[in-house]
């Protein structure tokens, strides 16, 4: 995939934003709530494994609970017949916690407002739509990215899946009436970046809400996954997408 040149930037029609850890700092608080459900799921299925919130975050960032639970059960040789029940419980638990925890972020709101004058904004996530709804309301982003432009690998597809499967990006592009090449994906996680790249979307890695101690390694992993640039903030991304030639994305070789 070629670098994002000024010409390619001008050809873009949509900004396809991962949600968790990208539009809002939801990863850490979500895993606090999800770890409790995950550990109860493991105990209920006789799996001798438990996670702290941080261990679960490091092991599963970019995947949804359905995929995580299924993979954990499969690795332990357990058959799961009640997965949908646990998925529903995790949705309610995490959504409630995030709705109480998240707050608006002025930088994200300003960047999305500026970018919305040129590009259609959409959210492309592994998370459930109900969880996204709680997060977007809590962070004041409902008007910028309305429910009709939120796509979930859990809820929007005929068969639920999770990133790095490219299905949710392909579905979002088709629904928006664009080719993947016309949608710039913005991702903070490696599974998310792989999902977008495999769908054929030019992709930028965003470290805005990545813990500082993990940024250098994450930036390297995102480049290896195929992103065309890595930025450290939404402000930096906005500046890079300005139409003036001197702010071409070709100058974004890495995080600053």
C-alpha atoms as a PDB file:
ATOM      1  CA  UNK A   1       0.000   0.000   0.000  1.00  0.00           C
ATOM      2  CA  UNK A   2       1.513   3.405  -0.960  1.00  0.00           C
ATOM      3  CA  UNK A   3       2.200   6.238   1.505  1.00  0.00           C
ATOM      4  CA  UNK A   4      -0.668   8.658   2.130  1.00  0.00           C
ATOM      5  CA  UNK A   5       0.178  11.425  -0.298  1.00  0.00           C
ATOM      6  CA  UNK A   6      -1.658  14.712  -0.610  1.00  0.00           C
ATOM      7  CA  UNK A   7      -3.445  13.271  -3.656  1.00  0.00           C
ATOM      8  CA  UNK A   8      -4.629  10.232  -1.726  1.00  0.00           C
ATOM      9  CA  UNK A   9      -5.742  12.415   1.170  1.00  0.00           C
ATOM     10  CA  UNK A  10      -7.828  14.470  -1.240  1.00  0.00           C
ATOM     11  CA  UNK A  11      -9.493  11.308  -2.573  1.00  0.00           C
ATOM     12  CA  UNK A  12     -10.794  10.270   0.848  1.00  0.00           C
ATOM     13  CA  UNK A  13     -14.539  10.343   1.469  1.00  0.00           C
ATOM     14  CA  UNK A  14     -14.811   9.009   5.023  1.00  0.00           C
ATOM     15  CA  UNK A  15     -12.936   8.742   8.305  1.00  0.00           C
ATOM     16  CA  UNK A  16     -13.459   5.276   9.785  1.00  0.00           C
ATOM     17  CA  UNK A  17     -12.677   5.500  13.472  1.00  0.00           C
ATOM     18  CA  UNK A  18     -12.089   2.651  15.820  1.00  0.00           C
ATOM     19  CA  UNK A  19     -13.884   3.525  19.051  1.00  0.00           C
ATOM     20  CA  UNK A  20     -12.362   2.003  22.207  1.00  0.00           C
ATOM     21  CA  UNK A  21      -8.934   3.395  23.007  1.00  0.00           C
ATOM     22  CA  UNK A  22      -9.108   5.672  19.985  1.00  0.00           C
ATOM     23  CA  UNK A  23     -12.067   8.047  20.314  1.00  0.00           C
ATOM     24  CA  UNK A  24     -12.171   7.713  24.086  1.00  0.00           C
ATOM     25  CA  UNK A  25      -9.982   6.137  26.802  1.00  0.00           C
ATOM     26  CA  UNK A  26     -12.314   3.213  27.393  1.00  0.00           C
ATOM     27  CA  UNK A  27      -9.871   0.310  27.294  1.00  0.00           C
ATOM     28  CA  UNK A  28      -8.680   0.422  30.918  1.00  0.00           C
ATOM     29  CA  UNK A  29     -12.086   0.987  32.595  1.00  0.00           C
ATOM     30  CA  UNK A  30     -13.740  -1.528  30.266  1.00  0.00           C
ATOM     31  CA  UNK A  31     -11.296  -4.237  31.290  1.00  0.00           C
ATOM     32  CA  UNK A  32     -11.930  -3.518  34.959  1.00  0.00           C
ATOM     33  CA  UNK A  33     -15.573  -4.476  34.407  1.00  0.00           C
ATOM     34  CA  UNK A  34     -14.881  -7.179  31.830  1.00  0.00           C
ATOM     35  CA  UNK A  35     -12.313  -8.990  33.973  1.00  0.00           C
ATOM     36  CA  UNK A  36     -14.966  -9.726  36.580  1.00  0.00           C
ATOM     37  CA  UNK A  37     -17.285 -11.249  33.978  1.00  0.00           C
ATOM     38  CA  UNK A  38     -14.428 -13.094  32.279  1.00  0.00           C
ATOM     39  CA  UNK A  39     -13.277 -14.673  35.523  1.00  0.00           C
ATOM     40  CA  UNK A  40     -16.807 -15.768  36.402  1.00  0.00           C
ATOM     41  CA  UNK A  41     -17.153 -17.242  32.912  1.00  0.00           C
ATOM     42  CA  UNK A  42     -13.912 -19.180  33.379  1.00  0.00           C
ATOM     43  CA  UNK A  43     -14.963 -20.463  36.798  1.00  0.00           C
ATOM     44  CA  UNK A  44     -18.392 -21.515  35.524  1.00  0.00           C
ATOM     45  CA  UNK A  45     -16.744 -23.607  32.809  1.00  0.00           C
ATOM     46  CA  UNK A  46     -14.155 -25.214  35.051  1.00  0.00           C
ATOM     47  CA  UNK A  47     -11.205 -23.381  33.544  1.00  0.00           C
ATOM     48  CA  UNK A  48      -8.383 -22.846  36.046  1.00  0.00           C
ATOM     49  CA  UNK A  49      -7.340 -19.429  34.778  1.00  0.00           C
ATOM     50  CA  UNK A  50      -7.982 -15.918  36.122  1.00  0.00           C
ATOM     51  CA  UNK A  51      -7.089 -12.430  34.886  1.00  0.00           C
ATOM     52  CA  UNK A  52      -6.507  -9.082  36.480  1.00  0.00           C
ATOM     53  CA  UNK A  53      -7.929  -6.184  34.480  1.00  0.00           C
ATOM     54  CA  UNK A  54      -4.444  -5.264  33.252  1.00  0.00           C
ATOM     55  CA  UNK A  55      -3.573  -8.832  32.261  1.00  0.00           C
ATOM     56  CA  UNK A  56      -6.803  -9.092  30.287  1.00  0.00           C
ATOM     57  CA  UNK A  57      -6.153  -5.763  28.549  1.00  0.00           C
ATOM     58  CA  UNK A  58      -2.650  -6.739  27.502  1.00  0.00           C
ATOM     59  CA  UNK A  59      -3.788 -10.142  26.275  1.00  0.00           C
ATOM     60  CA  UNK A  60      -6.953  -9.186  24.382  1.00  0.00           C
ATOM     61  CA  UNK A  61      -6.923  -5.513  23.311  1.00  0.00           C
ATOM     62  CA  UNK A  62      -8.706  -5.183  19.967  1.00  0.00           C
ATOM     63  CA  UNK A  63     -10.883  -8.281  20.458  1.00  0.00           C
ATOM     64  CA  UNK A  64     -14.426  -8.377  21.767  1.00  0.00           C
ATOM     65  CA  UNK A  65     -15.618 -10.522  24.674  1.00  0.00           C
ATOM     66  CA  UNK A  66     -17.261 -13.107  22.416  1.00  0.00           C
ATOM     67  CA  UNK A  67     -13.973 -13.865  20.679  1.00  0.00           C
ATOM     68  CA  UNK A  68     -11.956 -13.745  23.904  1.00  0.00           C
ATOM     69  CA  UNK A  69     -14.286 -16.127  25.764  1.00  0.00           C
ATOM     70  CA  UNK A  70     -14.466 -18.547  22.846  1.00  0.00           C
ATOM     71  CA  UNK A  71     -10.675 -18.600  22.458  1.00  0.00           C
ATOM     72  CA  UNK A  72     -10.107 -19.146  26.185  1.00  0.00           C
ATOM     73  CA  UNK A  73     -12.613 -22.003  26.248  1.00  0.00           C
ATOM     74  CA  UNK A  74     -11.139 -23.597  23.122  1.00  0.00           C
ATOM     75  CA  UNK A  75      -7.590 -23.413  24.500  1.00  0.00           C
ATOM     76  CA  UNK A  76      -8.798 -25.242  27.611  1.00  0.00           C
ATOM     77  CA  UNK A  77     -10.662 -27.846  25.572  1.00  0.00           C
ATOM     78  CA  UNK A  78     -14.084 -26.759  26.826  1.00  0.00           C
ATOM     79  CA  UNK A  79     -17.309 -26.653  24.810  1.00  0.00           C
ATOM     80  CA  UNK A  80     -19.446 -23.571  25.493  1.00  0.00           C
ATOM     81  CA  UNK A  81     -23.177 -23.707  24.862  1.00  0.00           C
ATOM     82  CA  UNK A  82     -24.164 -20.548  26.775  1.00  0.00           C
ATOM     83  CA  UNK A  83     -21.814 -18.036  25.139  1.00  0.00           C
ATOM     84  CA  UNK A  84     -24.607 -15.659  24.113  1.00  0.00           C
ATOM     85  CA  UNK A  85     -25.750 -15.401  27.741  1.00  0.00           C
ATOM     86  CA  UNK A  86     -22.274 -14.414  28.884  1.00  0.00           C
ATOM     87  CA  UNK A  87     -21.856 -11.975  25.987  1.00  0.00           C
ATOM     88  CA  UNK A  88     -25.095 -10.260  27.000  1.00  0.00           C
ATOM     89  CA  UNK A  89     -23.998 -10.045  30.642  1.00  0.00           C
ATOM     90  CA  UNK A  90     -20.625  -8.599  29.718  1.00  0.00           C
ATOM     91  CA  UNK A  91     -22.289  -5.976  27.494  1.00  0.00           C
ATOM     92  CA  UNK A  92     -24.515  -4.756  30.312  1.00  0.00           C
ATOM     93  CA  UNK A  93     -21.745  -4.749  32.924  1.00  0.00           C
ATOM     94  CA  UNK A  94     -19.156  -2.950  30.815  1.00  0.00           C
ATOM     95  CA  UNK A  95     -21.603  -0.470  29.266  1.00  0.00           C
ATOM     96  CA  UNK A  96     -22.871   0.582  32.683  1.00  0.00           C
ATOM     97  CA  UNK A  97     -19.338   1.068  33.995  1.00  0.00           C
ATOM     98  CA  UNK A  98     -18.194   3.079  30.964  1.00  0.00           C
ATOM     99  CA  UNK A  99     -21.274   5.318  31.035  1.00  0.00           C
ATOM    100  CA  UNK A 100     -20.354   6.283  34.588  1.00  0.00           C
ATOM    101  CA  UNK A 101     -16.616   6.624  33.953  1.00  0.00           C
ATOM    102  CA  UNK A 102     -16.047   8.344  30.596  1.00  0.00           C
ATOM    103  CA  UNK A 103     -16.095  12.106  30.092  1.00  0.00           C
ATOM    104  CA  UNK A 104     -15.880  14.389  27.020  1.00  0.00           C
ATOM    105  CA  UNK A 105     -12.395  15.065  25.646  1.00  0.00           C
ATOM    106  CA  UNK A 106     -11.948  18.548  24.166  1.00  0.00           C
ATOM    107  CA  UNK A 107      -9.156  17.534  21.778  1.00  0.00           C
ATOM    108  CA  UNK A 108     -11.121  14.660  20.260  1.00  0.00           C
ATOM    109  CA  UNK A 109     -14.279  16.758  19.902  1.00  0.00           C
ATOM    110  CA  UNK A 110     -12.394  19.628  18.238  1.00  0.00           C
ATOM    111  CA  UNK A 111     -10.581  17.306  15.831  1.00  0.00           C
ATOM    112  CA  UNK A 112     -13.707  15.433  14.786  1.00  0.00           C
ATOM    113  CA  UNK A 113     -15.623  18.681  14.349  1.00  0.00           C
ATOM    114  CA  UNK A 114     -12.913  20.006  12.028  1.00  0.00           C
ATOM    115  CA  UNK A 115     -12.620  16.752  10.085  1.00  0.00           C
ATOM    116  CA  UNK A 116     -16.394  16.433   9.688  1.00  0.00           C
ATOM    117  CA  UNK A 117     -16.402  19.438   7.355  1.00  0.00           C
ATOM    118  CA  UNK A 118     -14.530  17.349   4.759  1.00  0.00           C
ATOM    119  CA  UNK A 119     -15.167  13.717   5.589  1.00  0.00           C
ATOM    120  CA  UNK A 120     -18.067  11.516   6.646  1.00  0.00           C
ATOM    121  CA  UNK A 121     -17.336  10.303  10.167  1.00  0.00           C
ATOM    122  CA  UNK A 122     -18.093   6.714  11.130  1.00  0.00           C
ATOM    123  CA  UNK A 123     -17.178   4.341  13.955  1.00  0.00           C
ATOM    124  CA  UNK A 124     -15.973   0.830  13.112  1.00  0.00           C
ATOM    125  CA  UNK A 125     -15.597  -1.312  16.214  1.00  0.00           C
ATOM    126  CA  UNK A 126     -15.452  -4.829  17.591  1.00  0.00           C
ATOM    127  CA  UNK A 127     -17.628  -3.674  20.496  1.00  0.00           C
ATOM    128  CA  UNK A 128     -21.384  -4.084  20.750  1.00  0.00           C
ATOM    129  CA  UNK A 129     -23.615  -1.228  19.607  1.00  0.00           C
ATOM    130  CA  UNK A 130     -25.118  -0.881  23.087  1.00  0.00           C
ATOM    131  CA  UNK A 131     -21.651  -0.342  24.536  1.00  0.00           C
ATOM    132  CA  UNK A 132     -20.827   2.179  21.824  1.00  0.00           C
ATOM    133  CA  UNK A 133     -24.054   4.056  22.538  1.00  0.00           C
ATOM    134  CA  UNK A 134     -23.138   4.476  26.194  1.00  0.00           C
ATOM    135  CA  UNK A 135     -19.626   5.623  25.335  1.00  0.00           C
ATOM    136  CA  UNK A 136     -20.669   8.126  22.665  1.00  0.00           C
ATOM    137  CA  UNK A 137     -23.272   9.687  24.947  1.00  0.00           C
ATOM    138  CA  UNK A 138     -20.880   9.889  27.909  1.00  0.00           C
ATOM    139  CA  UNK A 139     -18.182  11.547  25.770  1.00  0.00           C
ATOM    140  CA  UNK A 140     -20.533  13.958  23.966  1.00  0.00           C
ATOM    141  CA  UNK A 141     -19.900  12.540  20.485  1.00  0.00           C
ATOM    142  CA  UNK A 142     -23.448  11.507  19.552  1.00  0.00           C
ATOM    143  CA  UNK A 143     -23.998  14.321  17.057  1.00  0.00           C
ATOM    144  CA  UNK A 144     -20.623  13.905  15.351  1.00  0.00           C
ATOM    145  CA  UNK A 145     -20.949  10.134  14.907  1.00  0.00           C
ATOM    146  CA  UNK A 146     -24.654   9.253  15.048  1.00  0.00           C
ATOM    147  CA  UNK A 147     -25.918   5.726  15.624  1.00  0.00           C
ATOM    148  CA  UNK A 148     -26.601   5.238  11.912  1.00  0.00           C
ATOM    149  CA  UNK A 149     -22.853   5.482  11.223  1.00  0.00           C
ATOM    150  CA  UNK A 150     -21.634   3.101  13.913  1.00  0.00           C
ATOM    151  CA  UNK A 151     -20.630  -0.388  12.822  1.00  0.00           C
ATOM    152  CA  UNK A 152     -20.072  -3.286  15.202  1.00  0.00           C
ATOM    153  CA  UNK A 153     -18.385  -6.609  14.443  1.00  0.00           C
ATOM    154  CA  UNK A 154     -20.597  -8.006  17.201  1.00  0.00           C
ATOM    155  CA  UNK A 155     -23.973  -6.609  16.073  1.00  0.00           C
ATOM    156  CA  UNK A 156     -23.808  -5.260  12.504  1.00  0.00           C
ATOM    157  CA  UNK A 157     -22.838  -8.447  10.659  1.00  0.00           C
ATOM    158  CA  UNK A 158     -24.883 -11.562   9.834  1.00  0.00           C
ATOM    159  CA  UNK A 159     -22.408 -13.612  11.863  1.00  0.00           C
ATOM    160  CA  UNK A 160     -20.683 -11.922  14.831  1.00  0.00           C
ATOM    161  CA  UNK A 161     -16.921 -11.708  14.554  1.00  0.00           C
ATOM    162  CA  UNK A 162     -14.090  -9.511  15.807  1.00  0.00           C
ATOM    163  CA  UNK A 163     -11.093  -7.680  14.473  1.00  0.00           C
ATOM    164  CA  UNK A 164      -8.613  -8.604  12.927  1.00  0.00           C
ATOM    165  CA  UNK A 165     -11.299 -10.075  10.635  1.00  0.00           C
ATOM    166  CA  UNK A 166     -11.813  -7.366   7.953  1.00  0.00           C
ATOM    167  CA  UNK A 167     -15.562  -8.048   7.693  1.00  0.00           C
ATOM    168  CA  UNK A 168     -16.703  -5.075   9.761  1.00  0.00           C
ATOM    169  CA  UNK A 169     -14.634  -2.620   7.682  1.00  0.00           C
ATOM    170  CA  UNK A 170     -15.896  -4.094   4.420  1.00  0.00           C
ATOM    171  CA  UNK A 171     -19.466  -3.852   5.726  1.00  0.00           C
ATOM    172  CA  UNK A 172     -18.992  -0.235   6.832  1.00  0.00           C
ATOM    173  CA  UNK A 173     -17.572   0.811   3.463  1.00  0.00           C
ATOM    174  CA  UNK A 174     -20.400  -0.904   1.580  1.00  0.00           C
ATOM    175  CA  UNK A 175     -23.031   0.715   3.776  1.00  0.00           C
ATOM    176  CA  UNK A 176     -21.439   4.140   3.368  1.00  0.00           C
ATOM    177  CA  UNK A 177     -21.267   3.674  -0.411  1.00  0.00           C
ATOM    178  CA  UNK A 178     -17.498   4.022  -0.663  1.00  0.00           C
ATOM    179  CA  UNK A 179     -14.633   1.794  -1.727  1.00  0.00           C
ATOM    180  CA  UNK A 180     -12.194   0.786   1.033  1.00  0.00           C
ATOM    181  CA  UNK A 181      -9.583   3.014  -0.596  1.00  0.00           C
ATOM    182  CA  UNK A 182     -11.832   6.014   0.081  1.00  0.00           C
ATOM    183  CA  UNK A 183     -12.071   5.368   3.825  1.00  0.00           C
ATOM    184  CA  UNK A 184      -9.173   6.343   6.076  1.00  0.00           C
ATOM    185  CA  UNK A 185      -9.150   4.060   9.121  1.00  0.00           C
ATOM    186  CA  UNK A 186      -7.781   5.280  12.446  1.00  0.00           C
ATOM    187  CA  UNK A 187      -6.792   2.498  14.840  1.00  0.00           C
ATOM    188  CA  UNK A 188      -4.927   2.201  18.132  1.00  0.00           C
ATOM    189  CA  UNK A 189      -4.615  -1.605  18.316  1.00  0.00           C
ATOM    190  CA  UNK A 190      -2.822  -4.174  16.202  1.00  0.00           C
ATOM    191  CA  UNK A 191      -5.946  -6.348  15.600  1.00  0.00           C
ATOM    192  CA  UNK A 192      -7.809  -3.225  14.541  1.00  0.00           C
ATOM    193  CA  UNK A 193      -5.062  -2.102  12.194  1.00  0.00           C
ATOM    194  CA  UNK A 194      -4.884  -5.570  10.641  1.00  0.00           C
ATOM    195  CA  UNK A 195      -8.660  -5.557  10.132  1.00  0.00           C
ATOM    196  CA  UNK A 196      -8.569  -2.231   8.290  1.00  0.00           C
ATOM    197  CA  UNK A 197      -5.469  -3.024   6.232  1.00  0.00           C
ATOM    198  CA  UNK A 198      -6.856  -6.402   5.184  1.00  0.00           C
ATOM    199  CA  UNK A 199     -10.056  -4.685   4.067  1.00  0.00           C
ATOM    200  CA  UNK A 200      -7.992  -2.410   1.825  1.00  0.00           C
ATOM    201  CA  UNK A 201      -8.412   0.819   3.817  1.00  0.00           C
ATOM    202  CA  UNK A 202      -5.485   3.217   4.133  1.00  0.00           C
ATOM    203  CA  UNK A 203      -4.831   3.181   7.860  1.00  0.00           C
ATOM    204  CA  UNK A 204      -3.258   5.485  10.440  1.00  0.00           C
ATOM    205  CA  UNK A 205      -2.148   4.331  13.887  1.00  0.00           C
ATOM    206  CA  UNK A 206      -3.185   6.605  16.749  1.00  0.00           C
ATOM    207  CA  UNK A 207      -1.389   6.547  20.112  1.00  0.00           C
ATOM    208  CA  UNK A 208      -3.514   9.241  21.803  1.00  0.00           C
ATOM    209  CA  UNK A 209      -4.891   6.969  24.531  1.00  0.00           C
ATOM    210  CA  UNK A 210      -2.185   4.284  24.520  1.00  0.00           C
ATOM    211  CA  UNK A 211      -0.336   4.234  27.887  1.00  0.00           C
ATOM    212  CA  UNK A 212       2.941   6.200  27.502  1.00  0.00           C
ATOM    213  CA  UNK A 213       5.099   3.229  28.501  1.00  0.00           C
ATOM    214  CA  UNK A 214       3.607   1.162  25.664  1.00  0.00           C
ATOM    215  CA  UNK A 215       3.724   3.717  22.851  1.00  0.00           C
ATOM    216  CA  UNK A 216       7.106   2.948  21.300  1.00  0.00           C
ATOM    217  CA  UNK A 217       6.369  -0.766  21.082  1.00  0.00           C
ATOM    218  CA  UNK A 218       2.808  -0.172  19.868  1.00  0.00           C
ATOM    219  CA  UNK A 219       4.012   2.217  17.170  1.00  0.00           C
ATOM    220  CA  UNK A 220       6.423  -0.435  15.876  1.00  0.00           C
ATOM    221  CA  UNK A 221       3.700  -3.087  15.958  1.00  0.00           C
ATOM    222  CA  UNK A 222       1.260  -0.833  14.098  1.00  0.00           C
ATOM    223  CA  UNK A 223       3.814  -0.150  11.359  1.00  0.00           C
ATOM    224  CA  UNK A 224       4.453  -3.873  11.056  1.00  0.00           C
ATOM    225  CA  UNK A 225       0.689  -4.389  10.711  1.00  0.00           C
ATOM    226  CA  UNK A 226       0.719  -2.091   7.684  1.00  0.00           C
ATOM    227  CA  UNK A 227      -0.356   1.367   8.825  1.00  0.00           C
ATOM    228  CA  UNK A 228       0.860   4.198   6.632  1.00  0.00           C
ATOM    229  CA  UNK A 229       1.583   6.617   9.473  1.00  0.00           C
ATOM    230  CA  UNK A 230       1.513   6.754  13.257  1.00  0.00           C
ATOM    231  CA  UNK A 231       0.324   9.870  15.088  1.00  0.00           C
ATOM    232  CA  UNK A 232       0.388  10.723  18.766  1.00  0.00           C
ATOM    233  CA  UNK A 233      -2.790  12.809  18.927  1.00  0.00           C
ATOM    234  CA  UNK A 234      -6.004  13.707  17.141  1.00  0.00           C
ATOM    235  CA  UNK A 235      -4.656  17.214  16.671  1.00  0.00           C
ATOM    236  CA  UNK A 236      -1.697  15.800  14.766  1.00  0.00           C
ATOM    237  CA  UNK A 237      -4.004  13.768  12.556  1.00  0.00           C
ATOM    238  CA  UNK A 238      -6.146  16.825  11.827  1.00  0.00           C
ATOM    239  CA  UNK A 239      -3.084  18.855  10.867  1.00  0.00           C
ATOM    240  CA  UNK A 240      -1.868  16.084   8.583  1.00  0.00           C
ATOM    241  CA  UNK A 241      -5.178  15.963   6.756  1.00  0.00           C
ATOM    242  CA  UNK A 242      -5.351  19.677   6.038  1.00  0.00           C
ATOM    243  CA  UNK A 243      -5.479  20.290   2.276  1.00  0.00           C
ATOM    244  CA  UNK A 244      -2.360  22.483   2.163  1.00  0.00           C
ATOM    245  CA  UNK A 245       0.516  20.639   0.424  1.00  0.00           C
ATOM    246  CA  UNK A 246       2.985  21.382   3.200  1.00  0.00           C
ATOM    247  CA  UNK A 247       1.001  19.210   5.624  1.00  0.00           C
ATOM    248  CA  UNK A 248       1.011  16.093   3.445  1.00  0.00           C
ATOM    249  CA  UNK A 249       0.752  12.834   5.333  1.00  0.00           C
ATOM    250  CA  UNK A 250       3.948  11.725   3.639  1.00  0.00           C
ATOM    251  CA  UNK A 251       5.731  13.604   6.435  1.00  0.00           C
ATOM    252  CA  UNK A 252       4.188  11.358   9.121  1.00  0.00           C
ATOM    253  CA  UNK A 253       6.741   8.603   9.340  1.00  0.00           C
ATOM    254  CA  UNK A 254       6.127   7.904  13.002  1.00  0.00           C
ATOM    255  CA  UNK A 255       4.877   9.123  16.342  1.00  0.00           C
ATOM    256  CA  UNK A 256       6.252  12.323  17.757  1.00  0.00           C
END
